[in-house]
C-alpha atoms as a PDB file:
ATOM      1  CA  MET A   1     100.068  52.377  10.066  1.00  0.00           C
ATOM      2  CA  LEU A   2      96.949  51.726  12.082  1.00  0.00           C
ATOM      3  CA  ASN A   3      96.177  54.352  14.705  1.00  0.00           C
ATOM      4  CA  PHE A   4      93.599  54.637  17.458  1.00  0.00           C
ATOM      5  CA  TYR A   5      92.608  58.293  17.072  1.00  0.00           C
ATOM      6  CA  ASP A   6      89.057  57.555  15.928  1.00  0.00           C
ATOM      7  CA  LEU A   7      88.309  54.950  18.633  1.00  0.00           C
ATOM      8  CA  LYS A   8      85.609  56.364  20.904  1.00  0.00           C
ATOM      9  CA  LEU A   9      85.872  54.663  24.286  1.00  0.00           C
ATOM     10  CA  ASN A  10      82.794  53.902  26.362  1.00  0.00           C
ATOM     11  CA  THR A  11      82.487  53.444  30.111  1.00  0.00           C
ATOM     12  CA  LYS A  12      80.640  50.133  29.844  1.00  0.00           C
ATOM     13  CA  ASP A  13      83.375  47.803  28.549  1.00  0.00           C
ATOM     14  CA  PRO A  14      87.003  47.352  29.649  1.00  0.00           C
ATOM     15  CA  VAL A  15      89.222  49.714  27.662  1.00  0.00           C
ATOM     16  CA  TYR A  16      91.723  47.024  26.666  1.00  0.00           C
ATOM     17  CA  MET A  17      88.902  44.942  25.172  1.00  0.00           C
ATOM     18  CA  GLN A  18      87.574  47.971  23.275  1.00  0.00           C
ATOM     19  CA  ALA A  19      91.012  48.513  21.738  1.00  0.00           C
ATOM     20  CA  ALA A  20      91.268  44.875  20.646  1.00  0.00           C
ATOM     21  CA  LEU A  21      87.715  44.949  19.260  1.00  0.00           C
ATOM     22  CA  TYR A  22      88.572  48.113  17.332  1.00  0.00           C
ATOM     23  CA  VAL A  23      91.428  46.301  15.588  1.00  0.00           C
ATOM     24  CA  LYS A  24      89.203  43.279  14.877  1.00  0.00           C
ATOM     25  CA  ARG A  25      86.608  45.555  13.252  1.00  0.00           C
ATOM     26  CA  LYS A  26      89.292  47.187  11.124  1.00  0.00           C
ATOM     27  CA  ILE A  27      90.361  43.702  10.011  1.00  0.00           C
ATOM     28  CA  LEU A  28      86.791  42.620   9.256  1.00  0.00           C
ATOM     29  CA  LEU A  29      86.150  45.774   7.219  1.00  0.00           C
ATOM     30  CA  ASN A  30      89.417  45.260   5.293  1.00  0.00           C
ATOM     31  CA  GLN A  31      90.656  48.641   6.542  1.00  0.00           C
ATOM     32  CA  VAL A  32      93.952  47.085   7.667  1.00  0.00           C
ATOM     33  CA  GLU A  33      96.032  44.377   6.064  1.00  0.00           C
ATOM     34  CA  SER A  34      98.282  41.654   7.310  1.00  0.00           C
ATOM     35  CA  GLY A  35     101.724  43.142   7.866  1.00  0.00           C
ATOM     36  CA  GLU A  36     100.444  46.616   8.711  1.00  0.00           C
ATOM     37  CA  LYS A  37     102.182  48.148  11.706  1.00  0.00           C
ATOM     38  CA  LEU A  38     100.528  49.223  14.918  1.00  0.00           C
ATOM     39  CA  PRO A  39     101.781  52.192  16.898  1.00  0.00           C
ATOM     40  CA  SER A  40     104.084  51.529  19.818  1.00  0.00           C
ATOM     41  CA  ARG A  41     102.379  50.943  23.127  1.00  0.00           C
ATOM     42  CA  ARG A  42     103.327  54.452  24.266  1.00  0.00           C
ATOM     43  CA  GLU A  43     102.006  56.008  21.064  1.00  0.00           C
ATOM     44  CA  ALA A  44      98.734  54.060  21.365  1.00  0.00           C
ATOM     45  CA  ALA A  45      98.391  55.130  25.013  1.00  0.00           C
ATOM     46  CA  ALA A  46      98.897  58.756  23.984  1.00  0.00           C
ATOM     47  CA  GLN A  47      96.397  58.442  21.108  1.00  0.00           C
ATOM     48  CA  LEU A  48      93.763  57.016  23.462  1.00  0.00           C
ATOM     49  CA  ASN A  49      94.782  59.104  26.462  1.00  0.00           C
ATOM     50  CA  ILE A  50      94.988  55.989  28.636  1.00  0.00           C
ATOM     51  CA  ASN A  51      97.530  54.242  30.835  1.00  0.00           C
ATOM     52  CA  PRO A  52     100.273  52.385  28.911  1.00  0.00           C
ATOM     53  CA  ASN A  53      99.598  49.312  31.078  1.00  0.00           C
ATOM     54  CA  THR A  54      96.075  49.177  29.632  1.00  0.00           C
ATOM     55  CA  VAL A  55      97.515  49.295  26.122  1.00  0.00           C
ATOM     56  CA  GLN A  56      99.952  46.543  27.067  1.00  0.00           C
ATOM     57  CA  LYS A  57      96.978  44.423  28.179  1.00  0.00           C
ATOM     58  CA  ALA A  58      95.224  45.078  24.838  1.00  0.00           C
ATOM     59  CA  PHE A  59      98.312  44.121  22.831  1.00  0.00           C
ATOM     60  CA  LYS A  60      98.753  40.961  24.904  1.00  0.00           C
ATOM     61  CA  LEU A  61      95.124  39.995  24.214  1.00  0.00           C
ATOM     62  CA  MET A  62      95.569  40.604  20.481  1.00  0.00           C
ATOM     63  CA  GLU A  63      98.785  38.572  20.476  1.00  0.00           C
ATOM     64  CA  ASP A  64      97.120  35.757  22.435  1.00  0.00           C
ATOM     65  CA  GLU A  65      94.293  35.690  19.880  1.00  0.00           C
ATOM     66  CA  GLY A  66      96.856  35.549  17.078  1.00  0.00           C
ATOM     67  CA  PHE A  67      95.978  38.600  15.001  1.00  0.00           C
ATOM     68  CA  VAL A  68      98.886  40.712  16.210  1.00  0.00           C
ATOM     69  CA  ARG A  69     102.501  39.606  16.240  1.00  0.00           C
ATOM     70  CA  THR A  70     105.298  41.457  17.951  1.00  0.00           C
ATOM     71  CA  SER A  71     109.017  41.229  17.316  1.00  0.00           C
ATOM     72  CA  SER A  72     111.929  43.246  18.614  1.00  0.00           C
ATOM     73  CA  THR A  73     112.855  44.361  15.093  1.00  0.00           C
ATOM     74  CA  LEU A  74     109.454  45.097  13.531  1.00  0.00           C
ATOM     75  CA  GLY A  75     107.373  46.062  16.542  1.00  0.00           C
ATOM     76  CA  SER A  76     103.738  44.980  16.521  1.00  0.00           C
ATOM     77  CA  VAL A  77     102.061  44.153  13.225  1.00  0.00           C
ATOM     78  CA  ILE A  78      98.680  42.850  12.136  1.00  0.00           C
ATOM     79  CA  TYR A  79      98.705  39.191  11.166  1.00  0.00           C
ATOM     80  CA  VAL A  80      95.662  37.834   9.353  1.00  0.00           C
ATOM     81  CA  ASP A  81      95.288  34.619   7.449  1.00  0.00           C
ATOM     82  CA  GLU A  82      92.045  33.061   6.229  1.00  0.00           C
ATOM     83  CA  ALA A  83      91.433  31.147   9.475  1.00  0.00           C
ATOM     84  CA  ILE A  84      91.938  34.241  11.646  1.00  0.00           C
ATOM     85  CA  PHE A  85      89.739  36.361   9.377  1.00  0.00           C
ATOM     86  CA  ASN A  86      86.984  33.725   9.473  1.00  0.00           C
ATOM     87  CA  ARG A  87      87.222  33.464  13.269  1.00  0.00           C
ATOM     88  CA  ILE A  88      86.967  37.250  13.685  1.00  0.00           C
ATOM     89  CA  GLU A  89      84.072  37.424  11.234  1.00  0.00           C
ATOM     90  CA  LYS A  90      82.191  34.678  13.094  1.00  0.00           C
ATOM     91  CA  GLU A  91      82.851  36.238  16.502  1.00  0.00           C
ATOM     92  CA  LEU A  92      81.764  39.759  15.563  1.00  0.00           C
ATOM     93  CA  THR A  93      78.753  38.601  13.566  1.00  0.00           C
ATOM     94  CA  GLU A  94      77.502  36.320  16.333  1.00  0.00           C
ATOM     95  CA  GLU A  95      77.943  39.077  18.922  1.00  0.00           C
ATOM     96  CA  LEU A  96      75.976  41.524  16.771  1.00  0.00           C
ATOM     97  CA  VAL A  97      73.132  39.045  16.287  1.00  0.00           C
ATOM     98  CA  LYS A  98      73.076  38.115  19.995  1.00  0.00           C
ATOM     99  CA  GLU A  99      72.785  41.782  20.958  1.00  0.00           C
ATOM    100  CA  PHE A 100      69.998  42.276  18.436  1.00  0.00           C
ATOM    101  CA  ILE A 101      68.093  39.208  19.629  1.00  0.00           C
ATOM    102  CA  GLY A 102      68.482  40.296  23.244  1.00  0.00           C
ATOM    103  CA  SER A 103      67.072  43.730  22.423  1.00  0.00           C
ATOM    104  CA  ALA A 104      64.189  42.240  20.435  1.00  0.00           C
ATOM    105  CA  LYS A 105      63.304  39.867  23.286  1.00  0.00           C
ATOM    106  CA  GLU A 106      63.556  42.692  25.791  1.00  0.00           C
ATOM    107  CA  ILE A 107      60.700  44.491  24.050  1.00  0.00           C
ATOM    108  CA  ASN A 108      58.766  41.232  23.559  1.00  0.00           C
ATOM    109  CA  LEU A 109      59.018  41.032  19.778  1.00  0.00           C
ATOM    110  CA  SER A 110      58.111  37.636  18.428  1.00  0.00           C
ATOM    111  CA  PHE A 111      60.449  35.729  16.142  1.00  0.00           C
ATOM    112  CA  LYS A 112      57.851  36.047  13.371  1.00  0.00           C
ATOM    113  CA  LYS A 113      57.651  39.833  13.808  1.00  0.00           C
ATOM    114  CA  VAL A 114      61.450  40.163  13.801  1.00  0.00           C
ATOM    115  CA  VAL A 115      61.736  38.157  10.570  1.00  0.00           C
ATOM    116  CA  GLU A 116      58.952  40.263   9.020  1.00  0.00           C
ATOM    117  CA  LEU A 117      60.682  43.502   9.992  1.00  0.00           C
ATOM    118  CA  ILE A 118      64.054  42.303   8.687  1.00  0.00           C
ATOM    119  CA  GLY A 119      62.405  41.387   5.389  1.00  0.00           C
ATOM    120  CA  GLN A 120      60.798  44.824   5.135  1.00  0.00           C
ATOM    121  CA  LEU A 121      63.859  46.800   6.135  1.00  0.00           C
ATOM    122  CA  TRP A 122      66.627  44.792   4.501  1.00  0.00           C
ATOM    123  CA  GLU A 123      66.764  46.913   1.370  1.00  0.00           C
END
């Protein structure tokens, strides 16, 4: 069962989005599988020490995005097929690269210098 004990919350981003992103990262890193259970909303709230309504918002977001399914008999479980995995991979990768590019531009690095540095540091 997936748990949220090792999720370190920040004050910059909405908590419900951080929880959903945490699950997406676990999916991308193959640390959870399709069919794996999530804790109940109350358990997740206790693990994160946050309001259950915030957890409810996170679960709703994950359900809306299709990578969590909830039923009255099974509770909430991870659901990942190839299309969902590819969408999550694209989303997280693009966000990482956008953040990197923004930071590089902020300190006035040229595209050429960035490519050079990536080449040097890749290995």
